[in-house]
Amino acid sequence: MTLSKMHFDACSDGLAELLTEGCAPGDRPEVVIAGCEAHVCLMQTALGLLERGFRTWVAETACGSRRAADKQMAMQRLREADATIVSDEMVLFEWVRHCRHPQFTAVLDLVKRRGS
């Protein structure tokens, strides 16, 4: 599914409503977010999600900015706003949870290939 947006904060263009579609009233799913220009669109969208009560995880190793200092400041601001800052590898292993998960081997192979 694609969400067309004009605002830096995708919540202003309907992201929060899209994420809660089909959820019980009052339920807020957990959201993992990653992307480019961490200090602009990604940060403002994450802040928008936090304001709306979403548990927001930012995969820092899957985020970027043209300048390293901008990314670093965005991660600090998000941390202070109560986003949970994690690595992409942390997210992958939390999703599979155990070594008997049907996708465990594929995830492990992906992580090992990336480390080479």
PDB file of N, CA and C in Angstrom:
ATOM      1  N   MET A   1       0.840  -1.168   0.000  1.00  0.00           N
ATOM      2  CA  MET A   1       0.000   0.000   0.000  1.00  0.00           C
ATOM      3  C   MET A   1       0.894   1.243   0.000  1.00  0.00           C
ATOM      4  N   THR A   2       0.524   2.228  -0.752  1.00  0.00           N
ATOM      5  CA  THR A   2       1.291   3.460  -0.863  1.00  0.00           C
ATOM      6  C   THR A   2       0.460   4.614  -0.334  1.00  0.00           C
ATOM      7  N   LEU A   3       1.105   5.487   0.414  1.00  0.00           N
ATOM      8  CA  LEU A   3       0.456   6.694   0.920  1.00  0.00           C
ATOM      9  C   LEU A   3       1.129   7.888   0.252  1.00  0.00           C
ATOM     10  N   SER A   4       0.383   8.616  -0.541  1.00  0.00           N
ATOM     11  CA  SER A   4       0.914   9.849  -1.131  1.00  0.00           C
ATOM     12  C   SER A   4       0.908  10.918  -0.049  1.00  0.00           C
ATOM     13  N   LYS A   5       1.987  11.695   0.023  1.00  0.00           N
ATOM     14  CA  LYS A   5       2.043  12.707   1.063  1.00  0.00           C
ATOM     15  C   LYS A   5       2.650  14.001   0.555  1.00  0.00           C
ATOM     16  N   MET A   6       2.247  15.086   1.184  1.00  0.00           N
ATOM     17  CA  MET A   6       2.783  16.406   0.882  1.00  0.00           C
ATOM     18  C   MET A   6       3.461  17.011   2.106  1.00  0.00           C
ATOM     19  N   HIS A   7       3.080  16.544   3.306  1.00  0.00           N
ATOM     20  CA  HIS A   7       3.646  17.049   4.553  1.00  0.00           C
ATOM     21  C   HIS A   7       4.908  16.263   4.896  1.00  0.00           C
ATOM     22  N   PHE A   8       5.801  16.883   5.634  1.00  0.00           N
ATOM     23  CA  PHE A   8       6.970  16.146   6.123  1.00  0.00           C
ATOM     24  C   PHE A   8       6.521  15.048   7.085  1.00  0.00           C
ATOM     25  N   ASP A   9       5.508  15.334   7.915  1.00  0.00           N
ATOM     26  CA  ASP A   9       4.924  14.357   8.833  1.00  0.00           C
ATOM     27  C   ASP A   9       3.825  13.604   8.087  1.00  0.00           C
ATOM     28  N   ALA A  10       4.057  12.352   7.764  1.00  0.00           N
ATOM     29  CA  ALA A  10       3.084  11.565   7.002  1.00  0.00           C
ATOM     30  C   ALA A  10       1.762  11.398   7.750  1.00  0.00           C
ATOM     31  N   CYS A  11       1.757  11.598   9.056  1.00  0.00           N
ATOM     32  CA  CYS A  11       0.502  11.521   9.812  1.00  0.00           C
ATOM     33  C   CYS A  11      -0.469  12.611   9.365  1.00  0.00           C
ATOM     34  N   SER A  12       0.051  13.738   8.932  1.00  0.00           N
ATOM     35  CA  SER A  12      -0.803  14.827   8.456  1.00  0.00           C
ATOM     36  C   SER A  12      -1.493  14.470   7.144  1.00  0.00           C
ATOM     37  N   ASP A  13      -1.013  13.429   6.492  1.00  0.00           N
ATOM     38  CA  ASP A  13      -1.612  12.979   5.232  1.00  0.00           C
ATOM     39  C   ASP A  13      -2.343  11.645   5.378  1.00  0.00           C
ATOM     40  N   GLY A  14      -2.623  11.236   6.621  1.00  0.00           N
ATOM     41  CA  GLY A  14      -3.445  10.050   6.839  1.00  0.00           C
ATOM     42  C   GLY A  14      -2.742   8.782   7.273  1.00  0.00           C
ATOM     43  N   LEU A  15      -1.463   8.838   7.585  1.00  0.00           N
ATOM     44  CA  LEU A  15      -0.745   7.621   7.971  1.00  0.00           C
ATOM     45  C   LEU A  15      -1.336   6.976   9.222  1.00  0.00           C
ATOM     46  N   ALA A  16      -1.618   7.759  10.241  1.00  0.00           N
ATOM     47  CA  ALA A  16      -2.136   7.193  11.502  1.00  0.00           C
ATOM     48  C   ALA A  16      -3.451   6.458  11.263  1.00  0.00           C
ATOM     49  N   GLU A  17      -4.316   7.026  10.458  1.00  0.00           N
ATOM     50  CA  GLU A  17      -5.597   6.385  10.157  1.00  0.00           C
ATOM     51  C   GLU A  17      -5.380   5.091   9.367  1.00  0.00           C
ATOM     52  N   LEU A  18      -4.444   5.128   8.445  1.00  0.00           N
ATOM     53  CA  LEU A  18      -4.134   3.948   7.652  1.00  0.00           C
ATOM     54  C   LEU A  18      -3.614   2.813   8.545  1.00  0.00           C
ATOM     55  N   LEU A  19      -2.762   3.161   9.497  1.00  0.00           N
ATOM     56  CA  LEU A  19      -2.174   2.154  10.386  1.00  0.00           C
ATOM     57  C   LEU A  19      -3.184   1.551  11.348  1.00  0.00           C
ATOM     58  N   THR A  20      -4.240   2.276  11.661  1.00  0.00           N
ATOM     59  CA  THR A  20      -5.232   1.762  12.609  1.00  0.00           C
ATOM     60  C   THR A  20      -6.444   1.142  11.914  1.00  0.00           C
ATOM     61  N   GLU A  21      -6.430   1.139  10.588  1.00  0.00           N
ATOM     62  CA  GLU A  21      -7.525   0.531   9.832  1.00  0.00           C
ATOM     63  C   GLU A  21      -7.671  -0.932  10.231  1.00  0.00           C
ATOM     64  N   GLY A  22      -8.857  -1.308  10.633  1.00  0.00           N
ATOM     65  CA  GLY A  22      -9.118  -2.687  11.028  1.00  0.00           C
ATOM     66  C   GLY A  22      -8.769  -3.001  12.469  1.00  0.00           C
ATOM     67  N   CYS A  23      -8.227  -2.053  13.214  1.00  0.00           N
ATOM     68  CA  CYS A  23      -7.897  -2.270  14.626  1.00  0.00           C
ATOM     69  C   CYS A  23      -9.119  -1.957  15.488  1.00  0.00           C
ATOM     70  N   ALA A  24      -9.158  -2.548  16.659  1.00  0.00           N
ATOM     71  CA  ALA A  24     -10.217  -2.225  17.611  1.00  0.00           C
ATOM     72  C   ALA A  24     -10.072  -0.765  18.028  1.00  0.00           C
ATOM     73  N   PRO A  25     -11.184  -0.084  18.305  1.00  0.00           N
ATOM     74  CA  PRO A  25     -11.112   1.318  18.726  1.00  0.00           C
ATOM     75  C   PRO A  25     -10.171   1.487  19.923  1.00  0.00           C
ATOM     76  N   GLY A  26      -9.307   2.474  19.828  1.00  0.00           N
ATOM     77  CA  GLY A  26      -8.354   2.745  20.903  1.00  0.00           C
ATOM     78  C   GLY A  26      -7.050   1.986  20.796  1.00  0.00           C
ATOM     79  N   ASP A  27      -7.010   0.903  19.999  1.00  0.00           N
ATOM     80  CA  ASP A  27      -5.766   0.148  19.824  1.00  0.00           C
ATOM     81  C   ASP A  27      -4.797   0.944  18.964  1.00  0.00           C
ATOM     82  N   ARG A  28      -3.560   0.957  19.349  1.00  0.00           N
ATOM     83  CA  ARG A  28      -2.519   1.610  18.574  1.00  0.00           C
ATOM     84  C   ARG A  28      -1.424   0.589  18.327  1.00  0.00           C
ATOM     85  N   PRO A  29      -1.190   0.230  17.072  1.00  0.00           N
ATOM     86  CA  PRO A  29      -0.137  -0.756  16.803  1.00  0.00           C
ATOM     87  C   PRO A  29       1.253  -0.182  17.061  1.00  0.00           C
ATOM     88  N   GLU A  30       2.208  -1.090  17.201  1.00  0.00           N
ATOM     89  CA  GLU A  30       3.603  -0.691  17.263  1.00  0.00           C
ATOM     90  C   GLU A  30       4.057  -0.448  15.833  1.00  0.00           C
ATOM     91  N   VAL A  31       4.908   0.553  15.645  1.00  0.00           N
ATOM     92  CA  VAL A  31       5.366   0.920  14.311  1.00  0.00           C
ATOM     93  C   VAL A  31       6.886   0.930  14.305  1.00  0.00           C
ATOM     94  N   VAL A  32       7.473   0.286  13.302  1.00  0.00           N
ATOM     95  CA  VAL A  32       8.917   0.364  13.071  1.00  0.00           C
ATOM     96  C   VAL A  32       9.101   1.285  11.874  1.00  0.00           C
ATOM     97  N   ILE A  33       9.940   2.289  12.029  1.00  0.00           N
ATOM     98  CA  ILE A  33      10.129   3.282  10.978  1.00  0.00           C
ATOM     99  C   ILE A  33      11.616   3.388  10.635  1.00  0.00           C
ATOM    100  N   ALA A  34      11.895   3.591   9.347  1.00  0.00           N
ATOM    101  CA  ALA A  34      13.257   3.761   8.853  1.00  0.00           C
ATOM    102  C   ALA A  34      13.165   4.555   7.563  1.00  0.00           C
ATOM    103  N   GLY A  35      14.257   5.175   7.157  1.00  0.00           N
ATOM    104  CA  GLY A  35      14.235   5.884   5.891  1.00  0.00           C
ATOM    105  C   GLY A  35      15.298   6.940   5.760  1.00  0.00           C
ATOM    106  N   CYS A  36      15.154   7.710   4.682  1.00  0.00           N
ATOM    107  CA  CYS A  36      16.119   8.762   4.350  1.00  0.00           C
ATOM    108  C   CYS A  36      15.737  10.076   5.003  1.00  0.00           C
ATOM    109  N   GLU A  37      16.693  10.960   5.036  1.00  0.00           N
ATOM    110  CA  GLU A  37      16.515  12.291   5.632  1.00  0.00           C
ATOM    111  C   GLU A  37      15.889  12.164   7.023  1.00  0.00           C
ATOM    112  N   ALA A  38      16.616  11.460   7.879  1.00  0.00           N
ATOM    113  CA  ALA A  38      16.155  11.167   9.232  1.00  0.00           C
ATOM    114  C   ALA A  38      15.779  12.424  10.009  1.00  0.00           C
ATOM    115  N   HIS A  39      16.390  13.532   9.684  1.00  0.00           N
ATOM    116  CA  HIS A  39      16.161  14.770  10.434  1.00  0.00           C
ATOM    117  C   HIS A  39      14.966  15.569   9.920  1.00  0.00           C
ATOM    118  N   VAL A  40      14.318  15.101   8.856  1.00  0.00           N
ATOM    119  CA  VAL A  40      13.178  15.840   8.298  1.00  0.00           C
ATOM    120  C   VAL A  40      11.945  14.929   8.325  1.00  0.00           C
ATOM    121  N   CYS A  41      11.646  14.262   7.221  1.00  0.00           N
ATOM    122  CA  CYS A  41      10.417  13.467   7.110  1.00  0.00           C
ATOM    123  C   CYS A  41      10.351  12.337   8.134  1.00  0.00           C
ATOM    124  N   LEU A  42      11.418  11.578   8.264  1.00  0.00           N
ATOM    125  CA  LEU A  42      11.396  10.468   9.204  1.00  0.00           C
ATOM    126  C   LEU A  42      11.159  10.964  10.626  1.00  0.00           C
ATOM    127  N   MET A  43      11.892  11.977  11.052  1.00  0.00           N
ATOM    128  CA  MET A  43      11.746  12.490  12.409  1.00  0.00           C
ATOM    129  C   MET A  43      10.352  13.067  12.639  1.00  0.00           C
ATOM    130  N   GLN A  44       9.866  13.880  11.699  1.00  0.00           N
ATOM    131  CA  GLN A  44       8.559  14.496  11.894  1.00  0.00           C
ATOM    132  C   GLN A  44       7.443  13.452  11.873  1.00  0.00           C
ATOM    133  N   THR A  45       7.576  12.418  11.050  1.00  0.00           N
ATOM    134  CA  THR A  45       6.584  11.348  11.040  1.00  0.00           C
ATOM    135  C   THR A  45       6.627  10.568  12.348  1.00  0.00           C
ATOM    136  N   ALA A  46       7.814  10.243  12.837  1.00  0.00           N
ATOM    137  CA  ALA A  46       7.941   9.528  14.108  1.00  0.00           C
ATOM    138  C   ALA A  46       7.356  10.359  15.250  1.00  0.00           C
ATOM    139  N   LEU A  47       7.619  11.652  15.265  1.00  0.00           N
ATOM    140  CA  LEU A  47       7.052  12.510  16.301  1.00  0.00           C
ATOM    141  C   LEU A  47       5.529  12.543  16.199  1.00  0.00           C
ATOM    142  N   GLY A  48       5.011  12.577  14.977  1.00  0.00           N
ATOM    143  CA  GLY A  48       3.565  12.543  14.767  1.00  0.00           C
ATOM    144  C   GLY A  48       2.946  11.249  15.279  1.00  0.00           C
ATOM    145  N   LEU A  49       3.622  10.135  15.035  1.00  0.00           N
ATOM    146  CA  LEU A  49       3.137   8.846  15.532  1.00  0.00           C
ATOM    147  C   LEU A  49       3.143   8.813  17.057  1.00  0.00           C
ATOM    148  N   LEU A  50       4.220   9.321  17.659  1.00  0.00           N
ATOM    149  CA  LEU A  50       4.303   9.365  19.119  1.00  0.00           C
ATOM    150  C   LEU A  50       3.191  10.228  19.703  1.00  0.00           C
ATOM    151  N   GLU A  51       2.944  11.382  19.099  1.00  0.00           N
ATOM    152  CA  GLU A  51       1.870  12.275  19.564  1.00  0.00           C
ATOM    153  C   GLU A  51       0.518  11.583  19.543  1.00  0.00           C
ATOM    154  N   ARG A  52       0.339  10.676  18.604  1.00  0.00           N
ATOM    155  CA  ARG A  52      -0.935   9.973  18.444  1.00  0.00           C
ATOM    156  C   ARG A  52      -0.992   8.667  19.235  1.00  0.00           C
ATOM    157  N   GLY A  53       0.008   8.439  20.075  1.00  0.00           N
ATOM    158  CA  GLY A  53      -0.016   7.293  20.973  1.00  0.00           C
ATOM    159  C   GLY A  53       0.536   5.993  20.433  1.00  0.00           C
ATOM    160  N   PHE A  54       1.221   6.032  19.301  1.00  0.00           N
ATOM    161  CA  PHE A  54       1.815   4.813  18.754  1.00  0.00           C
ATOM    162  C   PHE A  54       3.125   4.511  19.475  1.00  0.00           C
ATOM    163  N   ARG A  55       3.377   3.241  19.751  1.00  0.00           N
ATOM    164  CA  ARG A  55       4.688   2.817  20.231  1.00  0.00           C
ATOM    165  C   ARG A  55       5.580   2.836  18.993  1.00  0.00           C
ATOM    166  N   THR A  56       6.588   3.703  18.978  1.00  0.00           N
ATOM    167  CA  THR A  56       7.363   3.956  17.764  1.00  0.00           C
ATOM    168  C   THR A  56       8.808   3.515  17.941  1.00  0.00           C
ATOM    169  N   TRP A  57       9.233   2.617  17.075  1.00  0.00           N
ATOM    170  CA  TRP A  57      10.590   2.091  17.052  1.00  0.00           C
ATOM    171  C   TRP A  57      11.283   2.674  15.824  1.00  0.00           C
ATOM    172  N   VAL A  58      12.462   3.228  15.999  1.00  0.00           N
ATOM    173  CA  VAL A  58      13.221   3.790  14.886  1.00  0.00           C
ATOM    174  C   VAL A  58      14.455   2.909  14.667  1.00  0.00           C
ATOM    175  N   ALA A  59      14.525   2.293  13.500  1.00  0.00           N
ATOM    176  CA  ALA A  59      15.667   1.430  13.157  1.00  0.00           C
ATOM    177  C   ALA A  59      16.810   2.331  12.677  1.00  0.00           C
ATOM    178  N   GLU A  60      17.608   2.769  13.608  1.00  0.00           N
ATOM    179  CA  GLU A  60      18.655   3.773  13.359  1.00  0.00           C
ATOM    180  C   GLU A  60      19.629   3.346  12.261  1.00  0.00           C
ATOM    181  N   THR A  61      19.957   2.073  12.212  1.00  0.00           N
ATOM    182  CA  THR A  61      20.920   1.599  11.207  1.00  0.00           C
ATOM    183  C   THR A  61      20.323   1.535   9.811  1.00  0.00           C
ATOM    184  N   ALA A  62      19.016   1.736   9.699  1.00  0.00           N
ATOM    185  CA  ALA A  62      18.346   1.757   8.395  1.00  0.00           C
ATOM    186  C   ALA A  62      17.866   3.170   8.066  1.00  0.00           C
ATOM    187  N   CYS A  63      18.475   4.161   8.716  1.00  0.00           N
ATOM    188  CA  CYS A  63      18.126   5.568   8.500  1.00  0.00           C
ATOM    189  C   CYS A  63      19.351   6.319   7.990  1.00  0.00           C
ATOM    190  N   GLY A  64      19.102   7.394   7.306  1.00  0.00           N
ATOM    191  CA  GLY A  64      20.217   8.186   6.815  1.00  0.00           C
ATOM    192  C   GLY A  64      19.854   9.651   6.666  1.00  0.00           C
ATOM    193  N   SER A  65      20.863  10.462   6.581  1.00  0.00           N
ATOM    194  CA  SER A  65      20.757  11.891   6.264  1.00  0.00           C
ATOM    195  C   SER A  65      21.991  12.236   5.456  1.00  0.00           C
ATOM    196  N   ARG A  66      21.909  13.313   4.718  1.00  0.00           N
ATOM    197  CA  ARG A  66      23.086  13.702   3.927  1.00  0.00           C
ATOM    198  C   ARG A  66      24.268  14.027   4.834  1.00  0.00           C
ATOM    199  N   ARG A  67      23.979  14.585   5.995  1.00  0.00           N
ATOM    200  CA  ARG A  67      25.048  14.896   6.951  1.00  0.00           C
ATOM    201  C   ARG A  67      24.884  14.050   8.203  1.00  0.00           C
ATOM    202  N   ALA A  68      25.963  13.437   8.639  1.00  0.00           N
ATOM    203  CA  ALA A  68      25.933  12.556   9.812  1.00  0.00           C
ATOM    204  C   ALA A  68      25.425  13.291  11.047  1.00  0.00           C
ATOM    205  N   ALA A  69      25.787  14.561  11.185  1.00  0.00           N
ATOM    206  CA  ALA A  69      25.355  15.334  12.360  1.00  0.00           C
ATOM    207  C   ALA A  69      23.839  15.487  12.391  1.00  0.00           C
ATOM    208  N   ASP A  70      23.210  15.644  11.235  1.00  0.00           N
ATOM    209  CA  ASP A  70      21.746  15.764  11.185  1.00  0.00           C
ATOM    210  C   ASP A  70      21.088  14.471  11.659  1.00  0.00           C
ATOM    211  N   LYS A  71      21.608  13.345  11.204  1.00  0.00           N
ATOM    212  CA  LYS A  71      21.056  12.057  11.630  1.00  0.00           C
ATOM    213  C   LYS A  71      21.227  11.882  13.134  1.00  0.00           C
ATOM    214  N   GLN A  72      22.404  12.206  13.631  1.00  0.00           N
ATOM    215  CA  GLN A  72      22.686  12.066  15.062  1.00  0.00           C
ATOM    216  C   GLN A  72      21.737  12.931  15.891  1.00  0.00           C
ATOM    217  N   MET A  73      21.516  14.167  15.482  1.00  0.00           N
ATOM    218  CA  MET A  73      20.609  15.050  16.216  1.00  0.00           C
ATOM    219  C   MET A  73      19.169  14.542  16.155  1.00  0.00           C
ATOM    220  N   ALA A  74      18.764  14.001  15.003  1.00  0.00           N
ATOM    221  CA  ALA A  74      17.411  13.450  14.877  1.00  0.00           C
ATOM    222  C   ALA A  74      17.223  12.274  15.824  1.00  0.00           C
ATOM    223  N   MET A  75      18.196  11.375  15.905  1.00  0.00           N
ATOM    224  CA  MET A  75      18.088  10.223  16.796  1.00  0.00           C
ATOM    225  C   MET A  75      18.020  10.673  18.253  1.00  0.00           C
ATOM    226  N   GLN A  76      18.791  11.693  18.602  1.00  0.00           N
ATOM    227  CA  GLN A  76      18.760  12.205  19.972  1.00  0.00           C
ATOM    228  C   GLN A  76      17.397  12.809  20.288  1.00  0.00           C
ATOM    229  N   ARG A  77      16.865  13.597  19.373  1.00  0.00           N
ATOM    230  CA  ARG A  77      15.549  14.207  19.598  1.00  0.00           C
ATOM    231  C   ARG A  77      14.466  13.134  19.713  1.00  0.00           C
ATOM    232  N   LEU A  78      14.520  12.129  18.863  1.00  0.00           N
ATOM    233  CA  LEU A  78      13.534  11.053  18.920  1.00  0.00           C
ATOM    234  C   LEU A  78      13.648  10.254  20.212  1.00  0.00           C
ATOM    235  N   ARG A  79      14.865  10.006  20.649  1.00  0.00           N
ATOM    236  CA  ARG A  79      15.089   9.301  21.920  1.00  0.00           C
ATOM    237  C   ARG A  79      14.464  10.103  23.063  1.00  0.00           C
ATOM    238  N   GLU A  80      14.689  11.410  23.061  1.00  0.00           N
ATOM    239  CA  GLU A  80      14.129  12.271  24.114  1.00  0.00           C
ATOM    240  C   GLU A  80      12.608  12.342  24.050  1.00  0.00           C
ATOM    241  N   ALA A  81      12.026  12.099  22.858  1.00  0.00           N
ATOM    242  CA  ALA A  81      10.569  12.128  22.688  1.00  0.00           C
ATOM    243  C   ALA A  81       9.947  10.760  22.995  1.00  0.00           C
ATOM    244  N   ASP A  82      10.760   9.807  23.447  1.00  0.00           N
ATOM    245  CA  ASP A  82      10.337   8.461  23.835  1.00  0.00           C
ATOM    246  C   ASP A  82      10.171   7.470  22.694  1.00  0.00           C
ATOM    247  N   ALA A  83      10.776   7.738  21.554  1.00  0.00           N
ATOM    248  CA  ALA A  83      10.876   6.703  20.523  1.00  0.00           C
ATOM    249  C   ALA A  83      11.929   5.706  21.009  1.00  0.00           C
ATOM    250  N   THR A  84      11.769   4.455  20.625  1.00  0.00           N
ATOM    251  CA  THR A  84      12.757   3.441  20.964  1.00  0.00           C
ATOM    252  C   THR A  84      13.705   3.323  19.777  1.00  0.00           C
ATOM    253  N   ILE A  85      14.982   3.611  20.012  1.00  0.00           N
ATOM    254  CA  ILE A  85      15.980   3.571  18.952  1.00  0.00           C
ATOM    255  C   ILE A  85      16.625   2.188  18.959  1.00  0.00           C
ATOM    256  N   VAL A  86      16.566   1.510  17.822  1.00  0.00           N
ATOM    257  CA  VAL A  86      17.071   0.140  17.716  1.00  0.00           C
ATOM    258  C   VAL A  86      17.862  -0.005  16.418  1.00  0.00           C
ATOM    259  N   SER A  87      18.486  -1.161  16.245  1.00  0.00           N
ATOM    260  CA  SER A  87      19.156  -1.467  14.971  1.00  0.00           C
ATOM    261  C   SER A  87      18.223  -2.329  14.127  1.00  0.00           C
ATOM    262  N   ASP A  88      18.492  -2.376  12.849  1.00  0.00           N
ATOM    263  CA  ASP A  88      17.679  -3.223  11.977  1.00  0.00           C
ATOM    264  C   ASP A  88      17.802  -4.692  12.375  1.00  0.00           C
ATOM    265  N   GLU A  89      18.977  -5.103  12.812  1.00  0.00           N
ATOM    266  CA  GLU A  89      19.176  -6.491  13.233  1.00  0.00           C
ATOM    267  C   GLU A  89      18.349  -6.808  14.480  1.00  0.00           C
ATOM    268  N   MET A  90      18.273  -5.861  15.408  1.00  0.00           N
ATOM    269  CA  MET A  90      17.446  -6.064  16.602  1.00  0.00           C
ATOM    270  C   MET A  90      15.994  -6.300  16.213  1.00  0.00           C
ATOM    271  N   VAL A  91      15.504  -5.514  15.274  1.00  0.00           N
ATOM    272  CA  VAL A  91      14.117  -5.651  14.819  1.00  0.00           C
ATOM    273  C   VAL A  91      13.892  -7.027  14.191  1.00  0.00           C
ATOM    274  N   LEU A  92      14.790  -7.426  13.306  1.00  0.00           N
ATOM    275  CA  LEU A  92      14.631  -8.718  12.629  1.00  0.00           C
ATOM    276  C   LEU A  92      14.535  -9.874  13.625  1.00  0.00           C
ATOM    277  N   PHE A  93      15.428  -9.901  14.602  1.00  0.00           N
ATOM    278  CA  PHE A  93      15.416 -11.014  15.549  1.00  0.00           C
ATOM    279  C   PHE A  93      14.256 -10.933  16.532  1.00  0.00           C
ATOM    280  N   GLU A  94      13.771  -9.729  16.825  1.00  0.00           N
ATOM    281  CA  GLU A  94      12.562  -9.632  17.643  1.00  0.00           C
ATOM    282  C   GLU A  94      11.362 -10.170  16.885  1.00  0.00           C
ATOM    283  N   TRP A  95      11.311  -9.944  15.578  1.00  0.00           N
ATOM    284  CA  TRP A  95      10.194 -10.438  14.777  1.00  0.00           C
ATOM    285  C   TRP A  95      10.181 -11.960  14.693  1.00  0.00           C
ATOM    286  N   VAL A  96      11.344 -12.599  14.542  1.00  0.00           N
ATOM    287  CA  VAL A  96      11.348 -14.063  14.438  1.00  0.00           C
ATOM    288  C   VAL A  96      11.278 -14.742  15.803  1.00  0.00           C
ATOM    289  N   ARG A  97      11.757 -14.094  16.844  1.00  0.00           N
ATOM    290  CA  ARG A  97      11.655 -14.508  18.251  1.00  0.00           C
ATOM    291  C   ARG A  97      12.453 -15.751  18.656  1.00  0.00           C
ATOM    292  N   HIS A  98      12.588 -16.753  17.788  1.00  0.00           N
ATOM    293  CA  HIS A  98      13.297 -17.981  18.173  1.00  0.00           C
ATOM    294  C   HIS A  98      13.870 -18.676  16.930  1.00  0.00           C
ATOM    295  N   CYS A  99      14.780 -19.618  17.175  1.00  0.00           N
ATOM    296  CA  CYS A  99      15.478 -20.279  16.066  1.00  0.00           C
ATOM    297  C   CYS A  99      14.610 -21.282  15.312  1.00  0.00           C
ATOM    298  N   ARG A 100      13.414 -21.556  15.798  1.00  0.00           N
ATOM    299  CA  ARG A 100      12.524 -22.483  15.096  1.00  0.00           C
ATOM    300  C   ARG A 100      11.522 -21.752  14.201  1.00  0.00           C
ATOM    301  N   HIS A 101      11.602 -20.438  14.175  1.00  0.00           N
ATOM    302  CA  HIS A 101      10.707 -19.664  13.306  1.00  0.00           C
ATOM    303  C   HIS A 101      10.992 -20.047  11.856  1.00  0.00           C
ATOM    304  N   PRO A 102       9.966 -20.166  11.022  1.00  0.00           N
ATOM    305  CA  PRO A 102      10.176 -20.567   9.620  1.00  0.00           C
ATOM    306  C   PRO A 102      11.126 -19.642   8.844  1.00  0.00           C
ATOM    307  N   GLN A 103      11.254 -18.387   9.259  1.00  0.00           N
ATOM    308  CA  GLN A 103      12.122 -17.445   8.549  1.00  0.00           C
ATOM    309  C   GLN A 103      13.478 -17.227   9.231  1.00  0.00           C
ATOM    310  N   PHE A 104      13.732 -17.945  10.325  1.00  0.00           N
ATOM    311  CA  PHE A 104      14.979 -17.727  11.065  1.00  0.00           C
ATOM    312  C   PHE A 104      16.221 -17.895  10.192  1.00  0.00           C
ATOM    313  N   THR A 105      16.296 -18.975   9.432  1.00  0.00           N
ATOM    314  CA  THR A 105      17.476 -19.234   8.600  1.00  0.00           C
ATOM    315  C   THR A 105      17.668 -18.135   7.562  1.00  0.00           C
ATOM    316  N   ALA A 106      16.594 -17.694   6.951  1.00  0.00           N
ATOM    317  CA  ALA A 106      16.691 -16.627   5.951  1.00  0.00           C
ATOM    318  C   ALA A 106      17.175 -15.333   6.591  1.00  0.00           C
ATOM    319  N   VAL A 107      16.668 -15.024   7.784  1.00  0.00           N
ATOM    320  CA  VAL A 107      17.106 -13.811   8.491  1.00  0.00           C
ATOM    321  C   VAL A 107      18.567 -13.929   8.877  1.00  0.00           C
ATOM    322  N   LEU A 108      18.957 -15.060   9.407  1.00  0.00           N
ATOM    323  CA  LEU A 108      20.353 -15.275   9.801  1.00  0.00           C
ATOM    324  C   LEU A 108      21.282 -15.144   8.601  1.00  0.00           C
ATOM    325  N   ASP A 109      20.896 -15.732   7.470  1.00  0.00           N
ATOM    326  CA  ASP A 109      21.710 -15.623   6.251  1.00  0.00           C
ATOM    327  C   ASP A 109      21.835 -14.163   5.818  1.00  0.00           C
ATOM    328  N   LEU A 110      20.740 -13.440   5.866  1.00  0.00           N
ATOM    329  CA  LEU A 110      20.755 -12.020   5.494  1.00  0.00           C
ATOM    330  C   LEU A 110      21.712 -11.231   6.393  1.00  0.00           C
ATOM    331  N   VAL A 111      21.627 -11.456   7.678  1.00  0.00           N
ATOM    332  CA  VAL A 111      22.486 -10.748   8.626  1.00  0.00           C
ATOM    333  C   VAL A 111      23.952 -11.113   8.406  1.00  0.00           C
ATOM    334  N   LYS A 112      24.231 -12.381   8.187  1.00  0.00           N
ATOM    335  CA  LYS A 112      25.618 -12.813   7.947  1.00  0.00           C
ATOM    336  C   LYS A 112      26.176 -12.232   6.651  1.00  0.00           C
ATOM    337  N   ARG A 113      25.370 -12.227   5.582  1.00  0.00           N
ATOM    338  CA  ARG A 113      25.819 -11.663   4.287  1.00  0.00           C
ATOM    339  C   ARG A 113      26.131 -10.178   4.438  1.00  0.00           C
ATOM    340  N   ARG A 114      25.275  -9.485   5.157  1.00  0.00           N
ATOM    341  CA  ARG A 114      25.458  -8.047   5.316  1.00  0.00           C
ATOM    342  C   ARG A 114      26.727  -7.739   6.105  1.00  0.00           C
ATOM    343  N   GLY A 115      27.086  -8.602   7.044  1.00  0.00           N
ATOM    344  CA  GLY A 115      28.258  -8.378   7.871  1.00  0.00           C
ATOM    345  C   GLY A 115      29.575  -8.604   7.151  1.00  0.00           C
ATOM    346  N   SER A 116      29.523  -9.219   5.984  1.00  0.00           N
ATOM    347  CA  SER A 116      30.760  -9.551   5.244  1.00  0.00           C
ATOM    348  C   SER A 116      31.322  -8.339   4.544  1.00  0.00           C
TER     349      SER A 116
END
